[in-house]
Amino acid sequence: MLKQVKAGSPDDVGFRLNPVNAYYHLDVEGIRVGTFYSLTGGDIDVTVIEHNVVFPTGEASTLLIPGPVRFSPITLSRGFGNSAELYNWFALAASGNIVQARKNGTITLNGFVNGEYKPLVRWNLTNAWPSKISGFESNQYTGASVAKLSITIVTEMIEREEGDL
């Protein structure tokens, strides 16, 4: 069941987030495993069930009923972190050991506010596991000294948290 969050306008918060000054933390089972600069996916949608009804008058109608909630995969990219920990998590899923691979995690958006980075939004993931991992984006000729990771995670539930994180 999805919980509602308190909504507010950017004016209520007192700042506007500059996407250039933001990054994401990925924590799995309470352990920080990576920091990333790009996040895509995580769409949440409700399946629509069509129910055809014929009334006693003979009139027909189609009722639209909410069905199961689906969560699209989340991709975190342009990151760095504990690549061995991420790879081992991926290896659990790839080997079919899905019971041990399913873990709870958190993605936290950290934004530069009033001179310091602060957690602004948190997405809690339930029974998540990696479906794709990439760690081969590095270029010695451009002066990049850190290999950049990317990971795609599937999850059974996404809950958004705001406020005092």
N, C-alpha and C. Protein backbone atom coordinates (compact mmCIF):
# COMPACT_ATOMS: atom_id res chain seq x y z
N MET A 1 0.84 -1.17 0.00
CA MET A 1 0.00 0.00 0.00
C MET A 1 0.90 1.24 0.00
N LEU A 2 0.66 2.12 -0.93
CA LEU A 2 1.44 3.36 -1.01
C LEU A 2 0.92 4.36 0.01
N LYS A 3 1.86 5.06 0.66
CA LYS A 3 1.50 6.07 1.64
C LYS A 3 1.56 7.45 0.99
N GLN A 4 0.72 8.36 1.45
CA GLN A 4 0.74 9.72 0.93
C GLN A 4 1.83 10.52 1.64
N VAL A 5 2.42 11.47 0.89
CA VAL A 5 3.41 12.37 1.47
C VAL A 5 2.84 13.77 1.48
N LYS A 6 3.32 14.58 2.40
CA LYS A 6 2.86 15.97 2.49
C LYS A 6 3.40 16.74 1.29
N ALA A 7 2.52 17.38 0.57
CA ALA A 7 2.92 18.15 -0.61
C ALA A 7 3.15 19.60 -0.22
N GLY A 8 4.04 20.24 -0.93
CA GLY A 8 4.31 21.65 -0.70
C GLY A 8 4.85 22.26 -1.96
N SER A 9 4.83 23.56 -2.03
CA SER A 9 5.39 24.24 -3.19
C SER A 9 6.86 24.52 -2.95
N PRO A 10 7.65 24.78 -4.02
CA PRO A 10 9.05 25.11 -3.83
C PRO A 10 9.23 26.33 -2.93
N ASP A 11 8.25 27.23 -2.91
CA ASP A 11 8.34 28.40 -2.05
C ASP A 11 8.27 28.02 -0.57
N ASP A 12 7.52 26.95 -0.25
CA ASP A 12 7.42 26.49 1.13
C ASP A 12 8.78 26.00 1.63
N VAL A 13 9.56 25.40 0.75
CA VAL A 13 10.84 24.83 1.13
C VAL A 13 11.88 25.93 1.29
N GLY A 14 11.77 27.01 0.52
CA GLY A 14 12.68 28.13 0.64
C GLY A 14 13.88 28.04 -0.27
N PHE A 15 13.88 27.13 -1.23
CA PHE A 15 14.99 27.02 -2.17
C PHE A 15 14.50 26.36 -3.44
N ARG A 16 15.30 26.47 -4.47
CA ARG A 16 15.05 25.74 -5.70
C ARG A 16 16.24 24.83 -5.94
N LEU A 17 15.99 23.57 -6.24
CA LEU A 17 17.06 22.61 -6.43
C LEU A 17 17.68 22.78 -7.80
N ASN A 18 18.98 22.95 -7.82
CA ASN A 18 19.75 22.98 -9.06
C ASN A 18 20.20 21.56 -9.32
N PRO A 19 19.73 20.91 -10.42
CA PRO A 19 20.08 19.50 -10.64
C PRO A 19 21.57 19.25 -10.76
N VAL A 20 22.36 20.28 -11.09
CA VAL A 20 23.81 20.11 -11.19
C VAL A 20 24.40 19.88 -9.80
N ASN A 21 23.78 20.43 -8.78
CA ASN A 21 24.28 20.31 -7.42
C ASN A 21 23.52 19.26 -6.62
N ALA A 22 23.36 18.08 -7.21
CA ALA A 22 22.65 17.00 -6.52
C ALA A 22 23.30 15.67 -6.85
N TYR A 23 23.15 14.72 -5.94
CA TYR A 23 23.64 13.36 -6.17
C TYR A 23 22.78 12.40 -5.36
N TYR A 24 22.92 11.11 -5.63
CA TYR A 24 22.11 10.08 -5.00
C TYR A 24 23.00 9.09 -4.27
N HIS A 25 22.57 8.67 -3.08
CA HIS A 25 23.22 7.59 -2.34
C HIS A 25 22.37 6.34 -2.52
N LEU A 26 23.02 5.20 -2.66
CA LEU A 26 22.33 3.91 -2.64
C LEU A 26 22.81 3.16 -1.40
N ASP A 27 21.88 2.85 -0.52
CA ASP A 27 22.16 2.04 0.66
C ASP A 27 21.39 0.73 0.53
N VAL A 28 22.06 -0.39 0.79
CA VAL A 28 21.42 -1.70 0.73
C VAL A 28 21.58 -2.35 2.10
N GLU A 29 20.44 -2.68 2.71
CA GLU A 29 20.43 -3.27 4.05
C GLU A 29 21.24 -2.41 5.03
N GLY A 30 21.12 -1.07 4.88
CA GLY A 30 21.77 -0.15 5.79
C GLY A 30 23.24 0.14 5.49
N ILE A 31 23.78 -0.43 4.42
CA ILE A 31 25.19 -0.22 4.06
C ILE A 31 25.26 0.64 2.81
N ARG A 32 26.02 1.72 2.86
CA ARG A 32 26.21 2.58 1.68
C ARG A 32 27.05 1.84 0.67
N VAL A 33 26.49 1.60 -0.51
CA VAL A 33 27.22 0.84 -1.54
C VAL A 33 27.58 1.69 -2.75
N GLY A 34 27.03 2.90 -2.86
CA GLY A 34 27.40 3.72 -4.00
C GLY A 34 26.83 5.12 -3.94
N THR A 35 27.48 6.00 -4.69
CA THR A 35 27.03 7.37 -4.89
C THR A 35 26.93 7.58 -6.39
N PHE A 36 25.81 8.15 -6.84
CA PHE A 36 25.54 8.28 -8.28
C PHE A 36 25.07 9.69 -8.60
N TYR A 37 25.29 10.09 -9.85
CA TYR A 37 24.91 11.43 -10.27
C TYR A 37 23.74 11.45 -11.24
N SER A 38 23.19 10.28 -11.54
CA SER A 38 22.06 10.21 -12.46
C SER A 38 21.11 9.10 -12.03
N LEU A 39 19.82 9.37 -12.11
CA LEU A 39 18.79 8.39 -11.78
C LEU A 39 17.70 8.46 -12.83
N THR A 40 17.31 7.31 -13.37
CA THR A 40 16.19 7.25 -14.31
C THR A 40 15.31 6.07 -13.91
N GLY A 41 14.06 6.11 -14.38
CA GLY A 41 13.13 5.02 -14.10
C GLY A 41 12.40 5.23 -12.80
N GLY A 42 11.96 4.13 -12.22
CA GLY A 42 11.23 4.20 -10.96
C GLY A 42 9.78 4.62 -11.15
N ASP A 43 9.28 4.47 -12.39
CA ASP A 43 7.88 4.83 -12.64
C ASP A 43 6.96 3.92 -11.83
N ILE A 44 5.90 4.50 -11.33
CA ILE A 44 4.90 3.74 -10.58
C ILE A 44 3.59 3.90 -11.34
N ASP A 45 2.98 2.77 -11.74
CA ASP A 45 1.69 2.91 -12.41
C ASP A 45 0.72 1.84 -11.94
N VAL A 46 -0.54 2.18 -12.04
CA VAL A 46 -1.61 1.29 -11.63
C VAL A 46 -2.20 0.66 -12.88
N THR A 47 -2.26 -0.66 -12.90
CA THR A 47 -2.88 -1.37 -14.01
C THR A 47 -4.37 -1.07 -14.01
N VAL A 48 -4.91 -0.79 -15.18
CA VAL A 48 -6.34 -0.50 -15.30
C VAL A 48 -7.05 -1.78 -15.74
N ILE A 49 -8.05 -2.17 -14.96
CA ILE A 49 -8.84 -3.35 -15.28
C ILE A 49 -10.18 -2.87 -15.84
N GLU A 50 -10.50 -3.36 -17.02
CA GLU A 50 -11.80 -3.01 -17.63
C GLU A 50 -12.82 -4.08 -17.25
N HIS A 51 -13.95 -3.62 -16.68
CA HIS A 51 -15.01 -4.53 -16.26
C HIS A 51 -16.28 -4.13 -17.03
N ASN A 52 -16.70 -5.00 -17.92
CA ASN A 52 -17.90 -4.73 -18.72
C ASN A 52 -19.14 -5.11 -17.93
N VAL A 53 -20.10 -4.19 -17.88
CA VAL A 53 -21.32 -4.39 -17.11
C VAL A 53 -22.52 -4.16 -18.02
N VAL A 54 -23.53 -5.03 -17.88
CA VAL A 54 -24.80 -4.82 -18.57
C VAL A 54 -25.86 -4.64 -17.49
N PHE A 55 -26.52 -3.47 -17.52
CA PHE A 55 -27.52 -3.15 -16.51
C PHE A 55 -28.85 -3.80 -16.86
N PRO A 56 -29.78 -3.94 -15.88
CA PRO A 56 -31.08 -4.56 -16.15
C PRO A 56 -31.85 -3.88 -17.30
N THR A 57 -31.53 -2.61 -17.56
CA THR A 57 -32.22 -1.89 -18.65
C THR A 57 -31.67 -2.29 -20.01
N GLY A 58 -30.57 -3.06 -20.02
CA GLY A 58 -29.95 -3.46 -21.28
C GLY A 58 -28.80 -2.56 -21.69
N GLU A 59 -28.65 -1.47 -20.98
CA GLU A 59 -27.56 -0.55 -21.28
C GLU A 59 -26.23 -1.16 -20.82
N ALA A 60 -25.18 -1.02 -21.64
CA ALA A 60 -23.87 -1.58 -21.33
C ALA A 60 -22.90 -0.45 -21.02
N SER A 61 -21.97 -0.76 -20.15
CA SER A 61 -20.96 0.22 -19.78
C SER A 61 -19.67 -0.51 -19.39
N THR A 62 -18.57 0.18 -19.51
CA THR A 62 -17.30 -0.37 -19.08
C THR A 62 -16.82 0.43 -17.87
N LEU A 63 -16.63 -0.27 -16.77
CA LEU A 63 -16.11 0.36 -15.56
C LEU A 63 -14.60 0.17 -15.54
N LEU A 64 -13.89 1.20 -15.16
CA LEU A 64 -12.44 1.12 -15.05
C LEU A 64 -12.07 1.01 -13.57
N ILE A 65 -11.39 -0.08 -13.23
CA ILE A 65 -11.09 -0.39 -11.83
C ILE A 65 -9.57 -0.44 -11.66
N PRO A 66 -9.04 0.15 -10.58
CA PRO A 66 -7.60 0.05 -10.36
C PRO A 66 -7.19 -1.39 -10.05
N GLY A 67 -6.11 -1.81 -10.69
CA GLY A 67 -5.57 -3.16 -10.48
C GLY A 67 -4.25 -3.09 -9.73
N PRO A 68 -3.40 -4.07 -9.97
CA PRO A 68 -2.12 -4.10 -9.27
C PRO A 68 -1.23 -2.91 -9.63
N VAL A 69 -0.40 -2.51 -8.66
CA VAL A 69 0.57 -1.43 -8.87
C VAL A 69 1.86 -2.06 -9.38
N ARG A 70 2.46 -1.43 -10.41
CA ARG A 70 3.72 -1.91 -10.98
C ARG A 70 4.80 -0.85 -10.82
N PHE A 71 6.02 -1.31 -10.66
CA PHE A 71 7.17 -0.42 -10.47
C PHE A 71 8.20 -0.73 -11.55
N SER A 72 8.56 0.29 -12.34
CA SER A 72 9.53 0.06 -13.40
C SER A 72 10.94 0.03 -12.81
N PRO A 73 11.88 -0.59 -13.53
CA PRO A 73 13.26 -0.64 -13.04
C PRO A 73 13.86 0.75 -12.85
N ILE A 74 14.78 0.85 -11.91
CA ILE A 74 15.48 2.10 -11.59
C ILE A 74 16.93 1.93 -12.02
N THR A 75 17.44 2.91 -12.76
CA THR A 75 18.84 2.88 -13.17
C THR A 75 19.58 4.05 -12.53
N LEU A 76 20.60 3.72 -11.78
CA LEU A 76 21.51 4.71 -11.20
C LEU A 76 22.80 4.64 -12.01
N SER A 77 23.28 5.80 -12.48
CA SER A 77 24.49 5.78 -13.31
C SER A 77 25.41 6.94 -12.95
N ARG A 78 26.56 6.93 -13.62
CA ARG A 78 27.62 7.91 -13.35
C ARG A 78 28.00 7.88 -11.87
N GLY A 79 28.29 6.69 -11.38
CA GLY A 79 28.55 6.56 -9.96
C GLY A 79 29.86 5.91 -9.63
N PHE A 80 30.13 5.88 -8.33
CA PHE A 80 31.30 5.20 -7.80
C PHE A 80 30.92 4.66 -6.44
N GLY A 81 31.67 3.68 -5.98
CA GLY A 81 31.35 3.12 -4.67
C GLY A 81 31.98 1.76 -4.49
N ASN A 82 31.33 0.94 -3.69
CA ASN A 82 31.82 -0.39 -3.36
C ASN A 82 31.43 -1.34 -4.49
N SER A 83 32.23 -1.36 -5.55
CA SER A 83 31.87 -2.15 -6.73
C SER A 83 31.86 -3.64 -6.42
N ALA A 84 32.69 -4.11 -5.49
CA ALA A 84 32.69 -5.53 -5.13
C ALA A 84 31.37 -5.90 -4.48
N GLU A 85 30.89 -5.05 -3.57
CA GLU A 85 29.61 -5.30 -2.90
C GLU A 85 28.46 -5.32 -3.91
N LEU A 86 28.45 -4.36 -4.84
CA LEU A 86 27.41 -4.31 -5.87
C LEU A 86 27.49 -5.53 -6.78
N TYR A 87 28.72 -5.92 -7.18
CA TYR A 87 28.88 -7.08 -8.05
C TYR A 87 28.41 -8.35 -7.35
N ASN A 88 28.75 -8.52 -6.08
CA ASN A 88 28.32 -9.71 -5.34
C ASN A 88 26.80 -9.78 -5.22
N TRP A 89 26.16 -8.63 -5.03
CA TRP A 89 24.69 -8.58 -4.98
C TRP A 89 24.13 -9.00 -6.33
N PHE A 90 24.71 -8.49 -7.41
CA PHE A 90 24.29 -8.87 -8.76
C PHE A 90 24.52 -10.37 -8.99
N ALA A 91 25.65 -10.90 -8.54
CA ALA A 91 25.97 -12.32 -8.74
C ALA A 91 24.94 -13.22 -8.05
N LEU A 92 24.44 -12.80 -6.88
CA LEU A 92 23.39 -13.58 -6.21
C LEU A 92 22.16 -13.71 -7.10
N ALA A 93 21.75 -12.59 -7.69
CA ALA A 93 20.56 -12.61 -8.56
C ALA A 93 20.84 -13.40 -9.84
N ALA A 94 22.01 -13.18 -10.44
CA ALA A 94 22.34 -13.84 -11.70
C ALA A 94 22.46 -15.35 -11.55
N SER A 95 22.85 -15.81 -10.37
CA SER A 95 22.99 -17.25 -10.14
C SER A 95 21.67 -17.92 -9.78
N GLY A 96 20.60 -17.12 -9.72
CA GLY A 96 19.28 -17.68 -9.41
C GLY A 96 18.98 -17.75 -7.93
N ASN A 97 19.87 -17.25 -7.10
CA ASN A 97 19.67 -17.26 -5.65
C ASN A 97 18.84 -16.03 -5.26
N ILE A 98 17.62 -15.97 -5.76
CA ILE A 98 16.80 -14.77 -5.65
C ILE A 98 16.35 -14.51 -4.21
N VAL A 99 16.23 -15.55 -3.39
CA VAL A 99 15.81 -15.34 -2.00
C VAL A 99 16.84 -14.49 -1.27
N GLN A 100 18.14 -14.80 -1.45
CA GLN A 100 19.18 -14.01 -0.81
C GLN A 100 19.44 -12.70 -1.53
N ALA A 101 19.14 -12.64 -2.84
CA ALA A 101 19.38 -11.42 -3.62
C ALA A 101 18.37 -10.33 -3.30
N ARG A 102 17.16 -10.71 -2.92
CA ARG A 102 16.14 -9.69 -2.60
C ARG A 102 16.53 -9.00 -1.30
N LYS A 103 16.77 -7.69 -1.41
CA LYS A 103 17.18 -6.92 -0.23
C LYS A 103 16.40 -5.60 -0.21
N ASN A 104 16.27 -5.04 0.97
CA ASN A 104 15.66 -3.73 1.10
C ASN A 104 16.76 -2.68 0.97
N GLY A 105 16.42 -1.58 0.33
CA GLY A 105 17.41 -0.53 0.13
C GLY A 105 16.77 0.85 0.13
N THR A 106 17.63 1.84 0.02
CA THR A 106 17.18 3.23 0.02
C THR A 106 18.00 4.02 -0.98
N ILE A 107 17.31 4.84 -1.75
CA ILE A 107 17.97 5.82 -2.62
C ILE A 107 17.65 7.18 -2.03
N THR A 108 18.68 7.98 -1.76
CA THR A 108 18.50 9.29 -1.15
C THR A 108 19.01 10.36 -2.11
N LEU A 109 18.15 11.34 -2.40
CA LEU A 109 18.54 12.51 -3.19
C LEU A 109 19.13 13.53 -2.23
N ASN A 110 20.39 13.90 -2.47
CA ASN A 110 21.07 14.92 -1.66
C ASN A 110 21.26 16.16 -2.52
N GLY A 111 20.78 17.29 -2.04
CA GLY A 111 20.88 18.53 -2.79
C GLY A 111 21.66 19.58 -2.03
N PHE A 112 22.27 20.49 -2.77
CA PHE A 112 23.06 21.58 -2.18
C PHE A 112 22.11 22.69 -1.77
N VAL A 113 21.92 22.86 -0.47
CA VAL A 113 20.97 23.82 0.07
C VAL A 113 21.67 24.66 1.13
N ASN A 114 21.60 25.98 0.97
CA ASN A 114 22.18 26.90 1.95
C ASN A 114 23.63 26.55 2.32
N GLY A 115 24.42 26.26 1.29
CA GLY A 115 25.85 26.04 1.51
C GLY A 115 26.28 24.65 1.91
N GLU A 116 25.35 23.69 1.98
CA GLU A 116 25.75 22.33 2.33
C GLU A 116 24.81 21.32 1.67
N TYR A 117 25.30 20.08 1.52
CA TYR A 117 24.48 19.00 0.96
C TYR A 117 23.60 18.42 2.06
N LYS A 118 22.30 18.30 1.73
CA LYS A 118 21.34 17.76 2.69
C LYS A 118 20.46 16.73 1.98
N PRO A 119 20.04 15.69 2.71
CA PRO A 119 19.09 14.73 2.12
C PRO A 119 17.73 15.41 1.96
N LEU A 120 17.18 15.33 0.74
CA LEU A 120 15.91 16.00 0.45
C LEU A 120 14.75 15.02 0.29
N VAL A 121 15.00 13.94 -0.41
CA VAL A 121 13.96 12.94 -0.67
C VAL A 121 14.60 11.56 -0.54
N ARG A 122 13.84 10.63 -0.02
CA ARG A 122 14.31 9.26 0.11
C ARG A 122 13.26 8.33 -0.50
N TRP A 123 13.75 7.36 -1.29
CA TRP A 123 12.88 6.32 -1.84
C TRP A 123 13.30 5.00 -1.20
N ASN A 124 12.38 4.38 -0.47
CA ASN A 124 12.66 3.09 0.17
C ASN A 124 12.22 1.98 -0.78
N LEU A 125 13.12 1.04 -1.02
CA LEU A 125 12.87 -0.07 -1.95
C LEU A 125 12.70 -1.35 -1.15
N THR A 126 11.67 -2.12 -1.49
CA THR A 126 11.40 -3.38 -0.81
C THR A 126 11.64 -4.54 -1.76
N ASN A 127 12.36 -5.53 -1.29
CA ASN A 127 12.68 -6.73 -2.08
C ASN A 127 13.29 -6.37 -3.42
N ALA A 128 14.32 -5.55 -3.39
CA ALA A 128 14.99 -5.10 -4.61
C ALA A 128 16.16 -6.02 -4.94
N TRP A 129 16.47 -6.10 -6.22
CA TRP A 129 17.66 -6.85 -6.66
C TRP A 129 18.13 -6.28 -8.00
N PRO A 130 19.45 -6.36 -8.25
CA PRO A 130 20.00 -5.78 -9.48
C PRO A 130 19.76 -6.69 -10.69
N SER A 131 19.28 -6.11 -11.77
CA SER A 131 19.08 -6.88 -13.00
C SER A 131 20.16 -6.58 -14.03
N LYS A 132 20.95 -5.52 -13.81
CA LYS A 132 22.02 -5.17 -14.74
C LYS A 132 23.06 -4.35 -13.98
N ILE A 133 24.33 -4.59 -14.30
CA ILE A 133 25.40 -3.82 -13.69
C ILE A 133 26.45 -3.53 -14.75
N SER A 134 27.02 -2.36 -14.69
CA SER A 134 28.07 -1.98 -15.63
C SER A 134 29.10 -1.16 -14.88
N GLY A 135 30.34 -1.47 -15.09
CA GLY A 135 31.40 -0.73 -14.42
C GLY A 135 32.57 -0.46 -15.33
N PHE A 136 32.29 -0.38 -16.61
CA PHE A 136 33.37 -0.30 -17.58
C PHE A 136 33.41 1.02 -18.31
N GLU A 137 33.02 2.09 -17.64
CA GLU A 137 33.05 3.41 -18.25
C GLU A 137 34.19 4.20 -17.61
N SER A 138 35.35 4.14 -18.25
CA SER A 138 36.52 4.85 -17.75
C SER A 138 37.39 5.20 -18.94
N ASN A 139 38.06 6.33 -18.88
CA ASN A 139 38.89 6.75 -20.00
C ASN A 139 40.17 7.37 -19.47
N GLN A 140 41.29 6.69 -19.68
CA GLN A 140 42.57 7.17 -19.16
C GLN A 140 43.04 8.41 -19.89
N TYR A 141 42.53 8.67 -21.10
CA TYR A 141 42.99 9.80 -21.90
C TYR A 141 42.31 11.11 -21.53
N THR A 142 41.15 11.03 -20.88
CA THR A 142 40.44 12.25 -20.49
C THR A 142 40.74 12.65 -19.06
N GLY A 143 41.58 11.90 -18.39
CA GLY A 143 41.95 12.24 -17.02
C GLY A 143 40.97 11.71 -16.00
N ALA A 144 40.04 10.85 -16.42
CA ALA A 144 39.09 10.28 -15.46
C ALA A 144 39.84 9.30 -14.57
N SER A 145 39.85 9.56 -13.29
CA SER A 145 40.60 8.71 -12.38
C SER A 145 39.71 7.72 -11.65
N VAL A 146 38.41 7.77 -11.89
CA VAL A 146 37.48 6.88 -11.22
C VAL A 146 36.63 6.18 -12.27
N ALA A 147 36.54 4.85 -12.19
CA ALA A 147 35.64 4.12 -13.07
C ALA A 147 34.21 4.44 -12.66
N LYS A 148 33.35 4.64 -13.63
CA LYS A 148 31.97 5.02 -13.32
C LYS A 148 31.06 3.81 -13.40
N LEU A 149 30.30 3.59 -12.34
CA LEU A 149 29.38 2.46 -12.24
C LEU A 149 27.99 2.83 -12.72
N SER A 150 27.26 1.81 -13.09
CA SER A 150 25.84 1.96 -13.39
C SER A 150 25.18 0.66 -12.96
N ILE A 151 23.99 0.78 -12.35
CA ILE A 151 23.27 -0.39 -11.88
C ILE A 151 21.78 -0.19 -12.13
N THR A 152 21.12 -1.25 -12.59
CA THR A 152 19.67 -1.23 -12.77
C THR A 152 19.07 -2.16 -11.72
N ILE A 153 18.09 -1.64 -11.00
CA ILE A 153 17.48 -2.35 -9.88
C ILE A 153 15.99 -2.52 -10.15
N VAL A 154 15.49 -3.73 -9.89
CA VAL A 154 14.05 -3.96 -9.92
C VAL A 154 13.58 -4.11 -8.48
N THR A 155 12.36 -3.71 -8.22
CA THR A 155 11.86 -3.73 -6.85
C THR A 155 10.37 -4.03 -6.82
N GLU A 156 9.91 -4.57 -5.72
CA GLU A 156 8.49 -4.89 -5.56
C GLU A 156 7.69 -3.73 -4.99
N MET A 157 8.38 -2.74 -4.39
CA MET A 157 7.68 -1.61 -3.79
C MET A 157 8.63 -0.42 -3.71
N ILE A 158 8.09 0.76 -4.00
CA ILE A 158 8.83 2.01 -3.82
C ILE A 158 7.98 2.91 -2.95
N GLU A 159 8.55 3.37 -1.85
CA GLU A 159 7.86 4.32 -0.98
C GLU A 159 8.70 5.58 -0.87
N ARG A 160 8.07 6.72 -1.07
CA ARG A 160 8.74 8.00 -1.03
C ARG A 160 8.63 8.60 0.37
N GLU A 161 9.74 9.20 0.82
CA GLU A 161 9.79 9.80 2.15
C GLU A 161 10.37 11.21 2.01
N GLU A 162 9.74 12.17 2.65
CA GLU A 162 10.25 13.55 2.64
C GLU A 162 10.25 14.09 4.05
N GLY A 163 10.78 15.29 4.19
CA GLY A 163 10.76 15.93 5.51
C GLY A 163 12.09 15.83 6.18
N ASP A 164 12.07 15.69 7.49
CA ASP A 164 13.32 15.58 8.26
C ASP A 164 13.92 14.21 8.05
N LEU A 165 14.91 14.16 7.16
CA LEU A 165 15.56 12.88 6.88
C LEU A 165 16.82 12.84 7.68
